[in-house]
Protein backbone atom coordinates (compact mmCIF):
# COMPACT_ATOMS: atom_id res chain seq x y z
CA MET A 1 0.00 0.00 0.00
CA ALA A 2 1.39 3.36 -1.01
CA PHE A 3 1.41 6.28 1.42
CA THR A 4 -0.78 8.25 -0.95
CA ASP A 5 -3.48 5.56 -0.58
CA LEU A 6 -4.05 6.55 3.04
CA PRO A 7 -7.46 8.17 3.64
CA LEU A 8 -5.97 11.53 4.65
CA PHE A 9 -3.96 11.83 1.44
CA GLN A 10 -6.86 10.70 -0.73
CA ALA A 11 -9.11 13.33 0.86
CA LEU A 12 -6.48 16.05 0.37
CA LYS A 13 -5.94 15.02 -3.26
CA SER A 14 -9.67 15.15 -3.84
CA LYS A 15 -9.83 18.59 -2.18
CA MET A 16 -7.04 19.88 -4.45
CA GLN A 17 -8.84 18.52 -7.54
CA TRP A 18 -12.02 20.27 -6.37
CA HIS A 19 -10.10 23.56 -6.11
CA GLN A 20 -8.73 23.08 -9.64
CA THR A 21 -12.26 22.52 -10.96
CA ARG A 22 -13.55 25.57 -9.11
CA GLN A 23 -10.69 27.71 -10.44
CA GLY A 24 -11.75 26.79 -13.99
CA VAL A 25 -15.40 27.68 -13.33
CA LEU A 26 -14.47 31.01 -11.73
CA ALA A 27 -12.11 31.81 -14.62
CA GLU A 28 -14.94 31.06 -17.04
CA ASN A 29 -17.16 33.50 -15.14
CA ILE A 30 -14.56 36.24 -15.50
CA ALA A 31 -13.92 35.41 -19.16
CA ASN A 32 -17.64 35.78 -19.89
CA SER A 33 -18.14 38.92 -17.82
CA ASP A 34 -19.03 40.89 -20.97
CA SER A 35 -21.21 38.20 -22.57
CA PRO A 36 -24.89 39.14 -22.67
CA GLU A 37 -27.25 37.03 -20.54
CA PHE A 38 -24.34 35.08 -18.94
CA GLU A 39 -24.93 34.04 -15.33
CA ALA A 40 -22.09 33.39 -12.90
CA ARG A 41 -21.68 29.76 -11.79
CA ASP A 42 -19.94 28.13 -8.88
CA VAL A 43 -19.05 24.60 -7.80
CA LYS A 44 -20.97 22.78 -5.07
CA ALA A 45 -19.22 23.21 -1.71
CA TYR A 46 -16.64 20.57 -0.74
CA SER A 47 -16.81 18.72 2.56
CA PHE A 48 -14.20 16.45 4.13
CA ASP A 49 -17.05 14.68 5.93
CA ASP A 50 -17.99 13.15 2.59
CA HIS A 51 -14.63 11.38 2.45
CA ILE A 52 -14.17 10.53 6.08
CA GLY A 53 -17.52 8.74 6.25
CA ARG A 54 -16.88 6.48 3.25
CA GLU A 55 -16.69 2.78 4.00
CA ALA A 56 -14.05 2.30 1.28
CA PHE A 57 -11.55 3.94 3.62
CA GLY A 58 -12.33 1.48 6.36
CA LEU A 59 -12.79 4.24 8.93
CA THR A 60 -15.56 4.18 11.45
CA THR A 61 -16.22 6.32 14.50
CA GLU A 62 -17.49 4.94 17.74
CA ARG A 63 -18.79 6.60 20.87
CA THR A 64 -16.99 5.12 23.85
CA SER A 65 -18.67 7.44 26.31
CA VAL A 66 -22.02 9.18 26.53
CA ALA A 67 -20.11 12.46 26.95
CA HIS A 68 -18.65 12.15 23.44
CA ILE A 69 -20.24 14.00 20.55
CA SER A 70 -21.70 11.75 17.87
CA GLY A 71 -20.47 12.33 14.32
CA MET A 72 -22.45 12.98 11.17
CA ILE A 73 -21.78 11.53 7.73
CA GLY A 74 -22.03 13.76 4.64
CA SER A 75 -23.87 13.04 1.42
CA GLY A 76 -21.17 13.01 -1.27
CA ILE A 77 -18.77 15.42 -2.95
CA GLY A 78 -19.68 17.78 -5.70
CA GLY A 79 -17.71 18.82 -8.72
CA LYS A 80 -20.68 20.04 -10.71
CA ALA A 81 -21.12 23.73 -11.43
CA GLU A 82 -24.35 25.29 -10.32
CA ARG A 83 -25.92 28.68 -10.93
CA ARG A 84 -25.84 31.22 -8.11
CA ASP A 85 -28.00 34.28 -7.68
CA SER A 86 -26.10 37.53 -7.90
CA PHE A 87 -27.12 40.82 -6.39
CA GLU A 88 -25.96 42.82 -9.40
CA ILE A 89 -27.17 42.48 -13.00
CA THR A 90 -25.91 44.74 -15.80
CA PRO A 91 -28.18 46.26 -18.47
CA SER A 92 -27.09 43.50 -20.90
CA GLY A 93 -28.50 40.92 -18.47
CA ASN A 94 -25.06 39.71 -17.41
CA ALA A 95 -24.95 38.67 -13.75
CA VAL A 96 -21.17 38.50 -13.24
CA ASN A 97 -19.74 40.74 -10.53
CA LEU A 98 -15.97 40.93 -11.19
CA GLU A 99 -15.06 41.98 -7.64
CA GLU A 100 -16.98 39.05 -6.19
CA GLN A 101 -15.37 36.60 -8.64
CA MET A 102 -11.87 37.91 -7.90
CA MET A 103 -12.46 37.49 -4.15
CA LYS A 104 -13.61 33.91 -4.75
CA ILE A 105 -10.52 33.20 -6.87
CA THR A 106 -8.22 34.57 -4.16
CA GLN A 107 -9.94 32.51 -1.47
CA ASN A 108 -9.81 29.41 -3.68
CA GLN A 109 -6.08 29.91 -4.25
CA MET A 110 -5.39 30.29 -0.52
CA ASP A 111 -7.41 27.16 0.29
CA PHE A 112 -5.56 25.20 -2.43
CA GLN A 113 -2.22 26.30 -0.98
CA ALA A 114 -3.35 25.21 2.49
CA ALA A 115 -4.30 21.76 1.16
CA THR A 116 -0.97 21.34 -0.64
CA THR A 117 0.89 22.39 2.53
CA LEU A 118 -1.03 19.80 4.59
CA TYR A 119 -0.27 17.15 1.98
CA THR A 120 3.44 18.01 1.97
CA LYS A 121 3.66 18.14 5.77
CA GLY A 122 1.85 14.80 6.05
CA LEU A 123 4.36 13.15 3.73
CA GLY A 124 7.17 14.76 5.72
CA LEU A 125 5.81 13.32 8.97
CA ILE A 126 5.66 9.83 7.47
CA ARG A 127 9.22 10.15 6.14
CA THR A 128 10.40 11.28 9.58
CA ALA A 129 8.62 8.38 11.28
CA LEU A 130 10.16 5.87 8.91
CA SER A 131 13.68 7.32 8.86
CA LYS A 132 16.50 5.70 10.72
CA THR A 133 17.24 7.01 14.18
CA ALA A 134 20.81 7.51 15.22
């Protein structure tokens, strides 16, 4: 079994792929900001709960005490673009707000960088654990 097959790494890879898909959708919104009747789209929100609760990973949670909080399992990831209502529509009928799209792109980029940092640090921890001690 490869290290990248561990549930944590699979979830982080999936999260990074989601960010790549979202970046493409947001870039398409900006590219069509002058197209008449174009409506801005976004990708369905990503949730790690959707990956942690999968039986394919072999992970289960168990309450060992009544004081523990019970977990909830999500309903699946989304990579499908969906239409969002915008508060601003231009006279041509275009519903793309460039400032809003640029803020979403910046947030998406920061979240992607956080996921790649977690992935890199996780691999580093495994390398450290498996390295020879003097």
